[in-house]
């Protein structure tokens, strides 16, 4: 899948504190099936032909095979269960994302190098991953035409189908400044063991060479602090912390040393 917008040098993954122990032992990130994401509109555009088919079958269904409608339904289910989405952000200091995805600032953020091989798969693996692409935001739900897409030229398919289906969200999500790394067939990826010891679909190992830094939350506990520091020392990766600003509703990303207490923010956190 060809790329249309060059990504920034760094992108950031916000992670829950529940991921800390496993991540610092064996780094991995998940291409989450769209059906498991928290936006009900994920990979769920308005399909013009679907509603035409549905209306047609409601009026003349007794004379035609209703399996046509089932096929249209199955397309949506296939997209939502088979497509894996790795959601990243261009910013490391979003108050909302630290509160939500990092669970009240107890989690951590991984800074990723977009020029690493992780984002540039080998030729025999390129069919399993698309290039990084920036998410677009709008008030209106995307509407696509399967017929127009099928009849279009290859270059037109990107704007007619792929952008509105895979990279469009409501403007309510614009604060995330999201970039997406898509795996269109997660069932073809080799599953990696999850936190519960079982194979988890879409979870793949992250090479340490792709990690530029680890940013701990203002409320990261001492155990996770030590795990992160040990990981960073071993692989010579900078460790930072997102601490509350003394005068603004903002976070400052600061370098930290070996002392847990020295990393406490100006308001006494954690």
Protein backbone atom coordinates (compact mmCIF):
# COMPACT_ATOMS: atom_id res chain seq x y z
CA UNK A 1 0.00 0.00 0.00
CA UNK A 2 1.60 3.25 -1.11
CA UNK A 3 2.20 6.06 1.34
CA UNK A 4 0.85 9.56 0.71
CA UNK A 5 2.04 11.56 3.71
CA UNK A 6 5.49 11.24 5.24
CA UNK A 7 5.25 10.50 8.97
CA UNK A 8 7.18 12.46 11.60
CA UNK A 9 10.50 11.05 12.80
CA UNK A 10 8.86 9.87 16.04
CA UNK A 11 5.43 8.50 16.87
CA UNK A 12 4.16 7.55 20.30
CA UNK A 13 2.27 4.58 21.72
CA UNK A 14 0.32 5.13 24.95
CA UNK A 15 0.18 1.97 27.05
CA UNK A 16 -1.61 0.78 30.17
CA UNK A 17 0.35 0.00 33.36
CA UNK A 18 -0.93 -3.58 32.98
CA UNK A 19 1.39 -3.90 29.99
CA UNK A 20 4.54 -2.75 31.83
CA UNK A 21 5.91 -6.02 33.23
CA UNK A 22 5.44 -7.96 30.00
CA UNK A 23 6.59 -5.13 27.74
CA UNK A 24 9.87 -4.48 29.55
CA UNK A 25 10.56 -8.21 29.55
CA UNK A 26 9.72 -8.76 25.88
CA UNK A 27 8.53 -5.68 23.94
CA UNK A 28 5.47 -6.27 21.75
CA UNK A 29 2.67 -4.18 20.29
CA UNK A 30 -0.75 -5.25 19.16
CA UNK A 31 -2.53 -4.65 15.88
CA UNK A 32 -5.94 -4.58 17.53
CA UNK A 33 -8.88 -5.97 15.54
CA UNK A 34 -11.12 -3.05 14.58
CA UNK A 35 -14.09 -4.71 16.31
CA UNK A 36 -12.25 -4.40 19.65
CA UNK A 37 -11.51 -0.69 19.35
CA UNK A 38 -13.55 1.79 21.38
CA UNK A 39 -15.06 3.72 18.44
CA UNK A 40 -18.31 2.18 17.14
CA UNK A 41 -17.62 3.66 13.68
CA UNK A 42 -14.25 1.93 13.18
CA UNK A 43 -14.06 0.48 9.64
CA UNK A 44 -17.80 0.96 9.46
CA UNK A 45 -18.52 3.49 6.70
CA UNK A 46 -21.83 4.14 5.03
CA UNK A 47 -21.90 1.85 1.97
CA UNK A 48 -24.24 3.21 -0.67
CA UNK A 49 -25.01 -0.13 -2.29
CA UNK A 50 -25.73 -1.81 1.04
CA UNK A 51 -28.72 0.42 1.71
CA UNK A 52 -29.92 0.15 -1.86
CA UNK A 53 -29.70 -3.64 -1.67
CA UNK A 54 -31.51 -3.66 1.67
CA UNK A 55 -34.32 -1.47 0.37
CA UNK A 56 -34.60 -3.56 -2.79
CA UNK A 57 -34.83 -6.82 -0.84
CA UNK A 58 -37.43 -5.39 1.53
CA UNK A 59 -39.69 -4.72 -1.44
CA UNK A 60 -38.85 -7.64 -3.72
CA UNK A 61 -37.10 -10.08 -1.41
CA UNK A 62 -39.62 -12.87 -1.99
CA UNK A 63 -38.51 -13.02 -5.63
CA UNK A 64 -34.72 -12.87 -5.09
CA UNK A 65 -31.99 -14.56 -3.09
CA UNK A 66 -31.52 -12.70 0.19
CA UNK A 67 -27.95 -14.02 0.45
CA UNK A 68 -26.91 -10.83 -1.33
CA UNK A 69 -27.65 -8.85 1.81
CA UNK A 70 -25.79 -11.40 3.90
CA UNK A 71 -22.71 -10.94 1.74
CA UNK A 72 -22.84 -7.18 2.29
CA UNK A 73 -23.11 -7.75 6.04
CA UNK A 74 -20.22 -10.20 5.95
CA UNK A 75 -17.94 -7.65 4.27
CA UNK A 76 -18.26 -5.36 7.27
CA UNK A 77 -17.69 -8.21 9.72
CA UNK A 78 -14.63 -9.35 7.78
CA UNK A 79 -13.10 -5.87 7.80
CA UNK A 80 -13.68 -5.43 11.53
CA UNK A 81 -12.35 -8.82 12.62
CA UNK A 82 -9.53 -9.34 10.12
CA UNK A 83 -8.06 -5.82 10.04
CA UNK A 84 -5.54 -5.01 12.76
CA UNK A 85 -4.90 -1.38 13.72
CA UNK A 86 -1.81 -0.13 15.53
CA UNK A 87 -2.82 3.35 16.71
CA UNK A 88 -0.01 5.82 17.33
CA UNK A 89 0.10 9.52 18.12
CA UNK A 90 2.33 12.35 16.97
CA UNK A 91 2.32 13.85 20.49
CA UNK A 92 3.60 12.41 23.80
CA UNK A 93 1.95 14.84 26.22
CA UNK A 94 -1.82 14.61 25.67
CA UNK A 95 -3.59 14.99 29.02
CA UNK A 96 -6.59 13.03 27.77
CA UNK A 97 -4.57 10.10 26.44
CA UNK A 98 -2.42 9.92 29.55
CA UNK A 99 -5.64 9.82 31.58
CA UNK A 100 -7.42 7.22 29.41
CA UNK A 101 -4.94 4.91 27.68
CA UNK A 102 -2.31 5.18 30.41
CA UNK A 103 -4.94 4.81 33.12
CA UNK A 104 -4.67 8.01 35.13
CA UNK A 105 -0.98 8.59 34.37
CA UNK A 106 0.07 5.22 35.82
CA UNK A 107 1.13 3.77 32.47
CA UNK A 108 3.85 4.74 30.02
CA UNK A 109 4.48 5.94 26.48
CA UNK A 110 6.92 4.42 24.02
CA UNK A 111 8.59 6.72 21.51
CA UNK A 112 9.01 4.86 18.22
CA UNK A 113 11.42 5.52 15.36
CA UNK A 114 9.35 5.67 12.17
CA UNK A 115 12.47 5.05 10.10
CA UNK A 116 13.13 1.70 11.77
CA UNK A 117 12.69 -1.60 9.96
CA UNK A 118 9.62 -2.30 12.09
CA UNK A 119 7.71 0.12 9.85
CA UNK A 120 9.45 -1.06 6.68
CA UNK A 121 8.84 -4.82 6.41
CA UNK A 122 10.95 -7.08 4.22
CA UNK A 123 9.59 -7.63 0.67
CA UNK A 124 8.13 -11.04 1.54
CA UNK A 125 6.18 -9.44 4.41
CA UNK A 126 4.97 -6.25 2.73
CA UNK A 127 1.59 -7.76 1.84
CA UNK A 128 0.92 -8.11 5.57
CA UNK A 129 1.41 -4.43 6.42
CA UNK A 130 0.49 -1.07 4.92
CA UNK A 131 2.55 2.10 5.21
CA UNK A 132 2.01 4.50 8.08
CA UNK A 133 -0.81 6.88 7.26
CA UNK A 134 -2.26 9.90 9.06
CA UNK A 135 -5.84 9.71 10.28
CA UNK A 136 -8.25 12.33 8.96
CA UNK A 137 -11.09 13.80 11.03
CA UNK A 138 -14.52 14.97 9.95
CA UNK A 139 -18.04 15.69 11.20
CA UNK A 140 -19.49 13.47 8.48
CA UNK A 141 -19.38 9.69 8.36
CA UNK A 142 -17.57 8.45 5.23
CA UNK A 143 -19.76 7.18 2.42
CA UNK A 144 -18.31 4.81 -0.16
CA UNK A 145 -19.53 3.18 -3.33
CA UNK A 146 -18.31 -0.34 -4.03
CA UNK A 147 -19.27 0.02 -7.70
CA UNK A 148 -17.30 3.24 -8.14
CA UNK A 149 -14.33 1.70 -6.35
CA UNK A 150 -14.33 -1.41 -8.54
CA UNK A 151 -14.61 0.67 -11.70
CA UNK A 152 -11.93 3.18 -10.66
CA UNK A 153 -8.27 3.29 -11.61
CA UNK A 154 -5.78 1.88 -9.05
CA UNK A 155 -4.60 5.36 -8.05
CA UNK A 156 -8.18 6.50 -7.44
CA UNK A 157 -8.96 3.56 -5.15
CA UNK A 158 -6.89 5.11 -2.37
CA UNK A 159 -9.14 8.17 -2.00
CA UNK A 160 -12.38 6.39 -2.94
CA UNK A 161 -12.07 3.42 -0.61
CA UNK A 162 -8.97 3.01 1.55
CA UNK A 163 -8.77 6.48 3.10
CA UNK A 164 -12.46 6.73 4.08
CA UNK A 165 -12.65 3.13 5.34
CA UNK A 166 -9.37 2.74 7.23
CA UNK A 167 -8.14 6.24 8.06
CA UNK A 168 -11.20 8.39 8.81
CA UNK A 169 -12.68 9.18 12.22
CA UNK A 170 -15.01 11.68 13.83
CA UNK A 171 -13.46 15.03 14.65
CA UNK A 172 -14.22 14.25 18.30
CA UNK A 173 -11.05 12.11 18.18
CA UNK A 174 -8.83 14.78 16.63
CA UNK A 175 -7.02 15.46 19.92
CA UNK A 176 -5.25 12.11 19.46
CA UNK A 177 -3.37 13.32 16.35
CA UNK A 178 -3.36 9.70 15.25
CA UNK A 179 -1.24 7.84 12.73
CA UNK A 180 -2.12 4.25 11.83
CA UNK A 181 -0.08 1.21 10.94
CA UNK A 182 -2.47 -1.31 9.38
CA UNK A 183 -2.20 -5.09 9.16
CA UNK A 184 -5.02 -6.07 6.74
CA UNK A 185 -4.83 -9.81 7.53
CA UNK A 186 -4.01 -10.32 11.21
CA UNK A 187 -4.92 -14.00 10.98
CA UNK A 188 -1.80 -14.40 8.83
CA UNK A 189 0.50 -12.91 11.48
CA UNK A 190 2.31 -15.24 13.85
CA UNK A 191 0.63 -14.63 17.22
CA UNK A 192 2.76 -13.69 20.22
CA UNK A 193 2.00 -14.75 23.78
CA UNK A 194 -0.08 -12.16 25.62
CA UNK A 195 -0.06 -11.11 29.27
CA UNK A 196 -2.16 -14.12 30.24
CA UNK A 197 0.28 -16.58 28.66
CA UNK A 198 -2.00 -17.35 25.71
CA UNK A 199 -1.39 -16.51 22.05
CA UNK A 200 -2.98 -13.16 21.26
CA UNK A 201 -4.07 -12.35 17.72
CA UNK A 202 -2.34 -9.30 16.28
CA UNK A 203 0.35 -9.07 18.99
CA UNK A 204 3.80 -8.99 17.39
CA UNK A 205 7.28 -8.49 18.79
CA UNK A 206 8.74 -5.00 18.67
CA UNK A 207 12.47 -4.80 17.91
CA UNK A 208 14.30 -2.76 20.54
CA UNK A 209 15.98 -0.85 17.72
CA UNK A 210 12.59 0.75 16.98
CA UNK A 211 12.36 2.28 20.48
CA UNK A 212 13.82 5.78 20.84
CA UNK A 213 12.77 6.39 24.46
CA UNK A 214 10.41 5.32 27.23
CA UNK A 215 8.28 7.98 28.95
CA UNK A 216 6.88 7.08 32.36
CA UNK A 217 3.72 8.60 33.77
CA UNK A 218 3.55 10.97 36.73
CA UNK A 219 1.92 8.19 38.76
CA UNK A 220 4.01 5.26 37.51
CA UNK A 221 4.66 3.09 40.56
CA UNK A 222 8.09 2.22 41.89
CA UNK A 223 8.01 -1.35 40.59
CA UNK A 224 7.33 -0.28 37.00
CA UNK A 225 9.88 2.52 37.37
CA UNK A 226 12.58 -0.03 38.23
CA UNK A 227 11.54 -2.33 35.38
CA UNK A 228 11.67 0.53 32.89
CA UNK A 229 15.03 1.73 34.16
CA UNK A 230 16.54 -1.76 33.97
CA UNK A 231 15.21 -2.15 30.43
CA UNK A 232 16.58 1.25 29.39
CA UNK A 233 20.00 0.59 30.89
CA UNK A 234 20.27 -2.79 29.19
CA UNK A 235 19.41 -1.40 25.76
CA UNK A 236 20.85 2.12 26.21
CA UNK A 237 17.49 3.79 25.68
CA UNK A 238 16.66 7.16 27.31
CA UNK A 239 14.05 7.13 30.06
CA UNK A 240 11.88 10.19 30.64
CA UNK A 241 8.86 11.17 32.65
CA UNK A 242 5.73 13.21 31.98
CA UNK A 243 5.26 15.47 35.00
CA UNK A 244 2.63 18.16 35.67
CA UNK A 245 3.62 21.73 34.92
CA UNK A 246 3.66 24.06 37.92
CA UNK A 247 1.66 26.83 36.22
CA UNK A 248 -0.26 25.36 33.26
CA UNK A 249 -2.60 22.46 32.61
CA UNK A 250 0.18 20.70 30.76
CA UNK A 251 2.78 17.97 31.04
CA UNK A 252 6.52 18.44 30.76
CA UNK A 253 8.63 15.58 29.40
CA UNK A 254 11.82 15.51 31.48
CA UNK A 255 14.89 13.31 31.59
CA UNK A 256 15.20 11.26 34.77
CA UNK A 257 18.02 9.71 36.75
CA UNK A 258 18.23 6.59 38.88
CA UNK A 259 16.23 7.96 41.81
CA UNK A 260 12.50 7.29 41.95
CA UNK A 261 11.86 10.14 44.37
CA UNK A 262 13.79 12.66 42.27
CA UNK A 263 11.21 12.15 39.51
CA UNK A 264 8.24 13.34 41.53
CA UNK A 265 6.40 16.24 39.91
CA UNK A 266 6.04 19.71 41.41
CA UNK A 267 2.67 18.88 42.94
CA UNK A 268 4.01 15.88 44.85
CA UNK A 269 2.98 13.17 42.38
CA UNK A 270 3.00 10.28 42.53
